[in-house]
Amino acid sequence: MIPVKGVSGARIAVLGLGRSGLSAMRSLKAGGADVLCWDDSEEARVNAGGEGATLHDLSVPGAWNGVTELVLSPGIPHLYPQPNAHVAAAMDAGIPVDNDVGLLFRSLAIPGRGGHRKFPRIVAVTGSNGKSTTSALIHHCLVATGRESQLAGNIGRGVLDIESPGTDGTIVLELSSYQVELARTLAPDVAVFTNFGPDHLNRHGGLGGYFAAKQRLFLEGQPRVAVIGIDETEGKFLANRLVGESRENQIIRVTADAKAANKGWSITARDGVLTELQDGQPTATFDLGEMQGLPGVHNHQNACATFAVLRVLEVSSTAIEEGMRSFEGLPHRGQVVAQWMGVTFVNDSKATNVDAAARSLALFPRVRWIVGGQLKDDGISALRSSLDPVVKAYAIGRQAMEVARDLEGVEVEVCSDMAAAVQSAAKDSEPGDTVLLAPAAASFDAYGSFEERGEDFMAEVRKATH
């Protein structure tokens, strides 16, 4: 655990008592703060009370007296579609709002941070898709080479649950737009922008607000090195903006399908071959097709970003190749869970938006597609151009009928639940088919998380194939 610095004797409110809120509470207490905790969920309050939290109803008169700061959990809106009532009250009282990521960067007082260091110590990864795989792959390769590394943030542990790194230690953080948007302090050594596509639009007030949240990591965080995926317009814009601020030597462009830049440092993966280039000249290359844990173009993009970060950390290309070869992939992300009578069952529950689902569909020639859940603001109509591999769709979730209406030209069966969808897909399948869970939607209409949804899919696959 990292104690929060500069809070001794301060009265600080923590709103939201899930993983990040409880972690913030413990670290604030360790830093000497008087911590007042609240969550609108009674179950969360009971759980927090069992961990020694001082519960303090933020809605009662005088609740904010003496409070100097509010620490907010990422799932609680502070701006769009409208601020949470407690957050609005704090802002009315002139109380600043931060989150655990901001507390981390404020508290990591590493000697020599402002000067030259052989190894950058904080790598922060953001983007619409591929954040988890990229973060986990960086961490995996570092550990494989014997380096000290800790993985935290939107994956693994809460950011304040880690330990202060050793002399050459590295902290790898996966950061969502929710986390980046609110953090008052951002100071990564290396920052990664994987890619960009529509997601969380309601929370950010539209596509521009979503992109603005992502940009904060680079424009306000001012990393020593920025690794930018340029396969979308937004990435190209961000890279060019950083160049405009005289940081050319701090930018590494990565791409899975675009033409590499002729100057500077870039990493490409065209046709599945990763190539490192300096001013357009290749300096290292290897075949990503041999990496079983990194299938598909989207994972090749993740591999390029990982390679760039590791090269900045002075890991050899040979060691990176060996590390990637031993990477098995992450659960619920293109995870092959069964092969039965010539049919492959794939769990990609993490494909919670249309871009991720489109990338998943493109991996297979014949797909029986389990789709649906809590739809994002733009629905799934944007997937119509990606449906050629789909033999039949099996719509689940409370908005299953809306899914069926949006999938024009595709046979759709509306299913009551995951069990019915898996059973129907398994019964309909022919050898060579892939039964794919790639929901293009959040899980919260029926599950507590995408992991829980993926586990349900795998359990039903086991029933259907035994």
Protein backbone atom coordinates (compact mmCIF):
# COMPACT_ATOMS: atom_id res chain seq x y z
CA MET A 1 0.00 0.00 0.00
CA ILE A 2 1.14 3.55 -0.77
CA PRO A 3 0.22 6.06 1.98
CA VAL A 4 -1.15 9.29 0.54
CA LYS A 5 1.20 12.20 1.13
CA GLY A 6 0.27 15.70 2.22
CA VAL A 7 -3.02 14.79 3.92
CA SER A 8 -2.04 14.45 7.58
CA GLY A 9 -4.79 15.95 9.75
CA ALA A 10 -7.01 16.79 6.76
CA ARG A 11 -10.68 15.79 6.71
CA ILE A 12 -11.30 14.01 3.40
CA ALA A 13 -14.53 12.44 2.16
CA VAL A 14 -14.52 9.26 0.07
CA LEU A 15 -17.61 8.64 -2.07
CA GLY A 16 -18.09 5.15 -3.50
CA LEU A 17 -16.90 2.19 -1.47
CA GLY A 18 -15.99 -0.38 -4.09
CA ARG A 19 -12.43 -1.54 -4.76
CA SER A 20 -10.94 1.87 -5.52
CA GLY A 21 -12.86 3.65 -2.75
CA LEU A 22 -11.79 1.21 -0.05
CA SER A 23 -8.22 1.31 -1.32
CA ALA A 24 -8.26 5.12 -1.18
CA MET A 25 -9.69 5.00 2.34
CA ARG A 26 -6.88 2.75 3.58
CA SER A 27 -4.15 4.83 1.94
CA LEU A 28 -5.59 8.13 3.16
CA LYS A 29 -5.76 6.75 6.70
CA ALA A 30 -2.17 5.55 6.40
CA GLY A 31 -1.25 9.10 5.41
CA GLY A 32 -2.85 10.48 8.58
CA ALA A 33 -6.11 11.84 7.12
CA ASP A 34 -9.46 11.92 8.90
CA VAL A 35 -11.45 9.90 6.37
CA LEU A 36 -15.25 10.09 6.10
CA CYS A 37 -16.83 7.44 3.86
CA TRP A 38 -20.16 7.11 2.09
CA ASP A 39 -21.89 5.01 -0.54
CA ASP A 40 -25.57 5.13 -1.48
CA SER A 41 -25.60 1.32 -1.43
CA GLU A 42 -26.37 -0.10 2.00
CA GLU A 43 -24.53 -3.31 1.13
CA ALA A 44 -21.38 -1.33 0.26
CA ARG A 45 -21.66 0.63 3.51
CA VAL A 46 -21.96 -2.55 5.58
CA ASN A 47 -18.93 -4.05 3.83
CA ALA A 48 -16.90 -0.87 4.35
CA GLY A 49 -17.92 -0.70 8.00
CA GLY A 50 -16.47 -4.16 8.42
CA GLU A 51 -13.15 -2.77 7.15
CA GLY A 52 -13.16 0.01 9.72
CA ALA A 53 -14.58 2.81 7.58
CA THR A 54 -16.06 5.83 9.35
CA LEU A 55 -19.46 6.16 7.68
CA HIS A 56 -20.68 9.71 7.17
CA ASP A 57 -23.95 10.51 5.36
CA LEU A 58 -23.02 13.25 2.91
CA SER A 59 -26.64 14.30 2.40
CA VAL A 60 -27.37 15.52 5.94
CA PRO A 61 -27.08 19.23 6.89
CA GLY A 62 -23.51 20.18 7.76
CA ALA A 63 -22.10 17.01 6.18
CA TRP A 64 -19.36 18.95 4.36
CA ASN A 65 -18.22 21.03 7.32
CA GLY A 66 -14.43 20.87 7.58
CA VAL A 67 -14.07 18.62 4.52
CA THR A 68 -11.13 19.77 2.39
CA GLU A 69 -11.37 17.28 -0.49
CA LEU A 70 -13.67 14.67 -2.03
CA VAL A 71 -12.18 11.45 -3.43
CA LEU A 72 -14.54 9.91 -5.97
CA SER A 73 -14.83 6.37 -7.32
CA PRO A 74 -14.69 6.15 -11.14
CA GLY A 75 -18.23 4.86 -11.67
CA ILE A 76 -19.85 7.94 -10.12
CA PRO A 77 -20.60 10.77 -12.61
CA HIS A 78 -19.23 14.19 -11.77
CA LEU A 79 -20.24 16.07 -14.92
CA TYR A 80 -22.31 14.21 -17.53
CA PRO A 81 -25.07 13.20 -17.96
CA GLN A 82 -25.45 15.09 -14.66
CA PRO A 83 -23.34 15.24 -11.51
CA ASN A 84 -24.12 12.88 -8.68
CA ALA A 85 -26.00 14.84 -6.00
CA HIS A 86 -23.17 14.48 -3.47
CA VAL A 87 -20.60 15.63 -6.03
CA ALA A 88 -22.76 18.62 -6.91
CA ALA A 89 -22.96 19.52 -3.21
CA ALA A 90 -19.18 19.32 -2.87
CA MET A 91 -18.66 21.57 -5.89
CA ASP A 92 -21.23 24.05 -4.57
CA ALA A 93 -19.21 24.15 -1.36
CA GLY A 94 -15.99 24.79 -3.31
CA ILE A 95 -14.49 21.43 -2.34
CA PRO A 96 -12.06 19.99 -4.93
CA VAL A 97 -12.71 16.52 -6.33
CA ASP A 98 -9.99 13.94 -7.07
CA ASN A 99 -9.68 10.16 -7.44
CA ASP A 100 -7.26 7.42 -6.43
CA VAL A 101 -5.15 7.91 -9.57
CA GLY A 102 -4.59 11.56 -8.69
CA LEU A 103 -3.70 10.55 -5.13
CA LEU A 104 -1.16 8.03 -6.44
CA PHE A 105 0.68 10.51 -8.63
CA ARG A 106 0.67 13.07 -5.82
CA SER A 107 2.16 10.52 -3.43
CA LEU A 108 4.86 8.79 -5.47
CA ALA A 109 7.75 10.93 -4.32
CA ILE A 110 10.50 9.04 -6.17
CA PRO A 111 13.96 10.60 -5.72
CA GLY A 112 15.25 12.03 -8.97
CA ARG A 113 11.87 12.06 -10.71
CA GLY A 114 12.66 15.40 -12.32
CA GLY A 115 16.04 14.31 -13.63
CA HIS A 116 17.43 11.61 -15.90
CA ARG A 117 16.69 8.02 -14.91
CA LYS A 118 17.87 4.91 -16.65
CA PHE A 119 14.46 3.24 -16.33
CA PRO A 120 11.16 5.14 -16.40
CA ARG A 121 9.05 3.83 -13.58
CA ILE A 122 5.43 4.66 -14.38
CA VAL A 123 3.80 3.43 -17.59
CA ALA A 124 0.15 4.48 -18.09
CA VAL A 125 -1.99 2.87 -20.79
CA THR A 126 -5.27 4.28 -22.08
CA GLY A 127 -7.41 3.98 -25.24
CA SER A 128 -10.80 2.60 -26.25
CA ASN A 129 -9.77 -1.02 -26.74
CA GLY A 130 -6.73 -3.13 -25.95
CA LYS A 131 -5.78 -1.36 -22.70
CA SER A 132 -5.90 -4.50 -20.58
CA THR A 133 -4.02 -6.72 -23.01
CA THR A 134 -1.35 -4.07 -23.62
CA SER A 135 -0.88 -3.41 -19.90
CA ALA A 136 -0.76 -7.11 -19.04
CA LEU A 137 1.63 -7.83 -21.92
CA ILE A 138 4.04 -5.09 -20.83
CA HIS A 139 3.97 -6.44 -17.28
CA HIS A 140 4.38 -10.04 -18.45
CA CYS A 141 7.41 -9.25 -20.60
CA LEU A 142 9.07 -7.25 -17.83
CA VAL A 143 8.61 -10.09 -15.35
CA ALA A 144 9.85 -12.60 -17.95
CA THR A 145 13.11 -10.64 -18.20
CA GLY A 146 13.53 -10.58 -14.43
CA ARG A 147 12.47 -6.96 -13.97
CA GLU A 148 10.45 -5.76 -10.98
CA SER A 149 6.98 -4.82 -12.21
CA GLN A 150 3.56 -4.15 -10.68
CA LEU A 151 0.26 -4.12 -12.60
CA ALA A 152 -2.63 -2.01 -11.32
CA GLY A 153 -5.47 0.34 -12.17
CA ASN A 154 -8.39 -0.84 -14.28
CA ILE A 155 -6.78 -4.29 -14.18
CA GLY A 156 -5.34 -6.20 -11.25
CA ARG A 157 -5.04 -4.21 -8.03
CA GLY A 158 -6.23 -0.76 -7.09
CA VAL A 159 -3.59 1.85 -7.88
CA LEU A 160 -2.94 2.62 -4.21
CA ASP A 161 -2.67 -1.05 -3.23
CA ILE A 162 0.74 -1.40 -4.89
CA GLU A 163 4.06 -1.02 -3.13
CA SER A 164 6.53 1.77 -3.78
CA PRO A 165 8.80 0.48 -6.57
CA GLY A 166 12.40 -0.45 -6.05
CA THR A 167 15.35 1.26 -7.65
CA ASP A 168 14.59 -0.13 -11.10
CA GLY A 169 10.95 -1.07 -10.54
CA THR A 170 8.16 -0.29 -13.01
CA ILE A 171 4.49 0.39 -12.32
CA VAL A 172 2.15 -0.43 -15.23
CA LEU A 173 -1.23 1.26 -14.96
CA GLU A 174 -4.28 0.59 -17.11
CA LEU A 175 -6.34 3.78 -16.96
CA SER A 176 -9.89 4.23 -18.23
CA SER A 177 -11.27 7.54 -19.47
CA TYR A 178 -13.17 7.81 -16.16
CA GLN A 179 -9.92 7.60 -14.22
CA VAL A 180 -7.91 9.93 -16.46
CA GLU A 181 -10.65 12.54 -16.71
CA LEU A 182 -10.90 13.18 -12.98
CA ALA A 183 -7.34 12.77 -11.70
CA ARG A 184 -6.03 16.17 -10.58
CA THR A 185 -2.42 15.02 -10.98
CA LEU A 186 -1.08 12.97 -13.90
CA ALA A 187 2.66 12.32 -14.24
CA PRO A 188 3.52 9.12 -16.13
CA ASP A 189 6.99 8.55 -17.55
CA VAL A 190 5.58 6.70 -20.55
CA ALA A 191 1.96 7.06 -21.71
CA VAL A 192 0.25 4.83 -24.29
CA PHE A 193 -2.76 5.65 -26.49
CA THR A 194 -3.82 2.32 -28.02
CA ASN A 195 -6.69 3.38 -30.31
CA PHE A 196 -9.96 5.28 -30.33
CA GLY A 197 -13.61 4.50 -31.02
CA PRO A 198 -17.02 5.54 -29.65
CA ASP A 199 -17.63 4.45 -26.05
CA HIS A 200 -18.99 5.95 -22.82
CA LEU A 201 -20.49 8.84 -24.81
CA ASN A 202 -23.27 9.54 -22.33
CA ARG A 203 -20.76 9.79 -19.48
CA HIS A 204 -18.50 12.22 -21.39
CA GLY A 205 -21.13 14.35 -23.09
CA GLY A 206 -20.32 13.03 -26.57
CA LEU A 207 -17.40 11.86 -28.68
CA GLY A 208 -15.43 15.10 -28.22
CA GLY A 209 -15.67 14.87 -24.45
CA TYR A 210 -14.55 11.24 -24.54
CA PHE A 211 -11.49 12.11 -26.64
CA ALA A 212 -10.73 15.10 -24.39
CA ALA A 213 -10.67 12.76 -21.39
CA LYS A 214 -8.15 10.47 -23.11
CA GLN A 215 -5.96 13.40 -24.20
CA ARG A 216 -5.50 14.59 -20.61
CA LEU A 217 -2.99 11.82 -19.95
CA PHE A 218 -0.71 13.32 -22.61
CA LEU A 219 -1.45 17.05 -22.61
CA GLU A 220 -1.56 17.48 -18.84
CA GLY A 221 0.46 14.41 -17.85
CA GLN A 222 3.31 15.43 -20.20
CA PRO A 223 4.98 12.01 -20.32
CA ARG A 224 8.66 11.80 -21.24
CA VAL A 225 7.67 9.35 -23.98
CA ALA A 226 4.26 9.14 -25.70
CA VAL A 227 3.38 5.93 -27.57
CA ILE A 228 0.50 6.78 -29.91
CA GLY A 229 -1.61 4.39 -31.99
CA ILE A 230 -2.23 6.16 -35.31
CA ASP A 231 -4.71 3.77 -36.92
CA GLU A 232 -7.54 6.25 -36.30
CA THR A 233 -7.82 9.97 -36.98
CA GLU A 234 -7.78 10.81 -33.29
CA GLY A 235 -4.42 9.12 -32.78
CA LYS A 236 -2.90 10.90 -35.76
CA PHE A 237 -4.25 14.20 -34.42
CA LEU A 238 -2.81 13.56 -30.96
CA ALA A 239 0.62 12.60 -32.34
CA ASN A 240 0.70 15.71 -34.52
CA ARG A 241 -0.37 17.88 -31.61
CA LEU A 242 2.50 16.58 -29.50
CA VAL A 243 4.91 17.20 -32.38
CA GLY A 244 3.61 20.75 -32.48
CA GLU A 245 4.74 21.13 -28.90
CA SER A 246 8.36 20.27 -29.86
CA ARG A 247 8.32 16.72 -28.49
CA GLU A 248 9.28 14.85 -31.65
CA ASN A 249 11.93 12.82 -29.85
CA GLN A 250 9.33 11.74 -27.27
CA ILE A 251 6.79 10.25 -29.68
CA ILE A 252 6.65 6.68 -30.95
CA ARG A 253 3.93 6.05 -33.53
CA VAL A 254 2.49 2.53 -33.63
CA THR A 255 0.26 1.06 -36.32
CA ALA A 256 -1.17 -2.27 -37.36
CA ASP A 257 -2.24 -1.22 -40.84
CA ALA A 258 -1.32 2.40 -41.65
CA LYS A 259 1.79 3.53 -43.49
CA ALA A 260 4.64 4.13 -41.07
CA ALA A 261 6.09 7.58 -40.66
CA ASN A 262 9.26 8.23 -42.63
CA LYS A 263 10.89 10.06 -39.77
CA GLY A 264 11.28 9.47 -36.08
CA TRP A 265 10.56 6.23 -34.22
CA SER A 266 7.70 3.95 -35.25
CA ILE A 267 6.51 0.36 -34.83
CA THR A 268 4.37 -1.37 -37.47
CA ALA A 269 2.72 -4.76 -37.78
CA ARG A 270 1.60 -4.93 -41.36
CA ASP A 271 0.77 -8.45 -42.54
CA GLY A 272 1.45 -9.75 -39.03
CA VAL A 273 5.14 -8.86 -39.03
CA LEU A 274 6.23 -6.45 -36.31
CA THR A 275 8.92 -4.04 -37.45
CA GLU A 276 10.71 -1.32 -35.52
CA LEU A 277 11.80 1.61 -37.68
CA GLN A 278 14.07 4.59 -37.06
CA ASP A 279 13.53 7.32 -39.67
CA GLY A 280 11.91 4.73 -41.93
CA GLN A 281 14.76 2.21 -41.65
CA PRO A 282 14.05 -1.19 -40.01
CA THR A 283 16.04 -1.96 -36.86
CA ALA A 284 14.21 -5.06 -35.56
CA THR A 285 11.54 -7.44 -36.84
CA PHE A 286 9.70 -10.67 -35.90
CA ASP A 287 6.56 -12.60 -36.84
CA LEU A 288 3.53 -12.02 -34.60
CA GLY A 289 1.74 -14.92 -36.25
CA GLU A 290 3.74 -17.20 -33.98
CA MET A 291 2.33 -15.56 -30.82
CA GLN A 292 -0.60 -17.80 -29.81
CA GLY A 293 -1.79 -15.40 -27.12
CA LEU A 294 -2.01 -12.45 -29.56
CA PRO A 295 -4.35 -13.45 -32.40
CA GLY A 296 -5.71 -10.92 -34.89
CA VAL A 297 -4.88 -7.43 -36.12
CA HIS A 298 -6.17 -5.77 -32.95
CA ASN A 299 -3.72 -7.76 -30.84
CA HIS A 300 -0.93 -6.93 -33.28
CA GLN A 301 -1.70 -3.27 -32.52
CA ASN A 302 -1.39 -4.08 -28.80
CA ALA A 303 1.91 -5.84 -29.48
CA CYS A 304 3.28 -2.78 -31.28
CA ALA A 305 2.46 -0.53 -28.33
CA THR A 306 4.00 -3.03 -25.93
CA PHE A 307 7.15 -3.31 -28.01
CA ALA A 308 7.53 0.48 -28.04
CA VAL A 309 7.22 0.75 -24.26
CA LEU A 310 9.67 -2.07 -23.63
CA ARG A 311 12.24 -0.60 -25.99
CA VAL A 312 12.00 2.67 -24.05
CA LEU A 313 12.63 0.58 -20.94
CA GLU A 314 15.75 -0.78 -22.68
CA VAL A 315 14.53 -4.36 -23.10
CA SER A 316 16.12 -6.04 -26.12
CA SER A 317 13.96 -6.99 -29.10
CA THR A 318 14.97 -10.64 -28.62
CA ALA A 319 13.76 -10.61 -25.00
CA ILE A 320 10.51 -8.92 -26.05
CA GLU A 321 9.90 -11.57 -28.71
CA GLU A 322 10.50 -14.34 -26.16
CA GLY A 323 8.17 -12.67 -23.66
CA MET A 324 5.37 -12.27 -26.20
CA ARG A 325 5.75 -15.88 -27.26
CA SER A 326 5.03 -17.04 -23.69
CA PHE A 327 2.04 -14.72 -23.20
CA GLU A 328 -1.17 -16.76 -22.98
CA GLY A 329 -3.64 -13.90 -23.33
CA LEU A 330 -6.24 -12.64 -20.85
CA PRO A 331 -9.51 -14.29 -19.82
CA HIS A 332 -12.67 -13.03 -21.54
CA ARG A 333 -10.71 -11.53 -24.44
CA GLY A 334 -10.79 -13.83 -27.45
CA GLN A 335 -10.47 -16.79 -25.09
CA VAL A 336 -10.97 -20.19 -26.73
CA VAL A 337 -12.94 -22.15 -24.12
CA ALA A 338 -13.90 -25.34 -25.99
CA GLN A 339 -13.62 -27.19 -29.28
CA TRP A 340 -16.42 -29.69 -29.78
CA MET A 341 -17.44 -31.66 -32.88
CA GLY A 342 -15.55 -29.26 -35.13
CA VAL A 343 -17.06 -26.16 -33.48
CA THR A 344 -14.96 -23.58 -31.57
CA PHE A 345 -16.43 -21.64 -28.64
CA VAL A 346 -14.81 -18.24 -27.97
CA ASN A 347 -15.37 -15.99 -24.97
CA ASP A 348 -14.82 -12.31 -25.85
CA SER A 349 -17.05 -10.88 -23.13
CA LYS A 350 -14.72 -7.86 -22.90
CA ALA A 351 -15.92 -6.77 -26.37
CA THR A 352 -18.27 -4.26 -24.76
CA ASN A 353 -18.45 -1.76 -27.64
CA VAL A 354 -19.00 -1.95 -31.39
CA ASP A 355 -15.33 -1.46 -32.35
CA ALA A 356 -14.20 -4.34 -30.13
CA ALA A 357 -17.00 -6.59 -31.41
CA ALA A 358 -16.14 -5.77 -35.04
CA ARG A 359 -12.51 -6.74 -34.46
CA SER A 360 -13.61 -9.98 -32.86
CA LEU A 361 -16.03 -10.89 -35.67
CA ALA A 362 -13.31 -10.32 -38.27
CA LEU A 363 -11.19 -13.14 -36.80
CA PHE A 364 -13.50 -15.99 -37.88
CA PRO A 365 -14.99 -17.09 -41.23
CA ARG A 366 -18.34 -18.45 -39.91
CA VAL A 367 -19.74 -17.05 -36.69
CA ARG A 368 -22.74 -17.88 -34.56
CA TRP A 369 -22.77 -14.65 -32.63
CA ILE A 370 -24.07 -14.15 -29.09
CA VAL A 371 -24.72 -10.41 -28.81
CA GLY A 372 -26.47 -7.93 -26.54
CA GLY A 373 -26.64 -6.55 -23.04
CA GLN A 374 -26.78 -2.96 -21.88
CA LEU A 375 -26.30 -1.15 -25.18
CA LYS A 376 -24.03 1.87 -25.51
CA ASP A 377 -25.40 5.21 -26.70
CA ASP A 378 -24.91 4.43 -30.39
CA GLY A 379 -26.47 0.95 -30.19
CA ILE A 380 -25.00 -1.67 -32.52
CA SER A 381 -26.19 -0.42 -35.93
CA ALA A 382 -22.59 0.65 -36.70
CA LEU A 383 -21.72 -3.06 -36.91
CA ARG A 384 -23.74 -3.63 -40.08
CA SER A 385 -20.62 -3.36 -42.25
CA SER A 386 -18.89 -6.06 -40.15
CA LEU A 387 -21.52 -8.80 -40.34
CA ASP A 388 -20.31 -10.84 -43.34
CA PRO A 389 -18.95 -13.67 -41.12
CA VAL A 390 -22.22 -13.94 -39.13
CA VAL A 391 -24.30 -16.99 -40.00
CA LYS A 392 -26.83 -16.28 -37.26
CA ALA A 393 -27.04 -14.00 -34.22
CA TYR A 394 -28.43 -14.91 -30.81
CA ALA A 395 -29.61 -11.77 -29.00
CA ILE A 396 -29.54 -11.67 -25.20
CA GLY A 397 -30.25 -9.09 -22.53
CA ARG A 398 -33.05 -6.68 -21.77
CA GLN A 399 -32.56 -4.92 -25.10
CA ALA A 400 -32.54 -8.10 -27.19
CA MET A 401 -35.46 -6.95 -29.34
CA GLU A 402 -33.64 -3.69 -30.12
CA VAL A 403 -30.57 -5.71 -31.11
CA ALA A 404 -32.68 -7.83 -33.43
CA ARG A 405 -34.15 -4.73 -35.08
CA ASP A 406 -30.68 -3.22 -35.64
CA LEU A 407 -29.22 -6.32 -37.30
CA GLU A 408 -30.89 -6.01 -40.68
CA GLY A 409 -30.10 -8.78 -43.13
CA VAL A 410 -28.97 -11.24 -40.45
CA GLU A 411 -31.01 -14.09 -39.02
CA VAL A 412 -31.54 -13.30 -35.34
CA GLU A 413 -32.94 -15.47 -32.57
CA VAL A 414 -34.04 -13.61 -29.44
CA CYS A 415 -32.96 -15.68 -26.44
CA SER A 416 -34.21 -15.47 -22.86
CA ASP A 417 -30.74 -15.75 -21.31
CA MET A 418 -27.18 -16.95 -21.86
CA ALA A 419 -28.13 -20.60 -21.35
CA ALA A 420 -30.72 -20.46 -24.12
CA ALA A 421 -28.31 -18.65 -26.46
CA VAL A 422 -25.48 -21.14 -25.97
CA GLN A 423 -27.79 -24.14 -26.30
CA SER A 424 -29.33 -22.83 -29.54
CA ALA A 425 -25.98 -21.85 -31.03
CA ALA A 426 -24.44 -25.23 -30.18
CA LYS A 427 -27.43 -27.08 -31.66
CA ASP A 428 -27.37 -25.03 -34.87
CA SER A 429 -23.60 -25.19 -35.40
CA GLU A 430 -21.80 -27.09 -38.13
CA PRO A 431 -18.13 -28.13 -38.25
CA GLY A 432 -16.01 -25.05 -38.92
CA ASP A 433 -18.37 -22.67 -37.10
CA THR A 434 -17.32 -20.45 -34.19
CA VAL A 435 -19.78 -19.73 -31.39
CA LEU A 436 -18.63 -16.28 -30.34
CA LEU A 437 -19.66 -14.22 -27.33
CA ALA A 438 -18.80 -10.65 -28.40
CA PRO A 439 -21.69 -8.67 -26.89
CA ALA A 440 -20.98 -5.14 -28.22
CA ALA A 441 -22.66 -4.00 -25.00
CA ALA A 442 -22.03 -3.59 -21.31
CA SER A 443 -22.96 -6.41 -18.94
CA PHE A 444 -24.79 -4.46 -16.25
CA ASP A 445 -28.34 -5.32 -17.36
CA ALA A 446 -27.87 -8.89 -16.12
CA TYR A 447 -24.37 -9.25 -14.63
CA GLY A 448 -22.12 -7.43 -12.21
CA SER A 449 -19.22 -7.30 -14.68
CA PHE A 450 -18.02 -8.52 -18.06
CA GLU A 451 -16.03 -11.17 -16.16
CA GLU A 452 -19.20 -12.56 -14.60
CA ARG A 453 -20.86 -12.64 -18.02
CA GLY A 454 -17.88 -14.48 -19.49
CA GLU A 455 -17.89 -17.01 -16.66
CA ASP A 456 -21.60 -17.67 -17.29
CA PHE A 457 -20.89 -18.23 -20.99
CA MET A 458 -18.11 -20.69 -20.21
CA ALA A 459 -20.30 -22.56 -17.71
CA GLU A 460 -23.07 -22.92 -20.29
CA VAL A 461 -20.56 -24.05 -22.94
CA ARG A 462 -19.38 -26.79 -20.59
CA LYS A 463 -23.00 -27.96 -20.15
CA ALA A 464 -23.68 -27.88 -23.89
CA THR A 465 -20.55 -29.78 -24.89
CA HIS A 466 -20.54 -32.59 -22.34
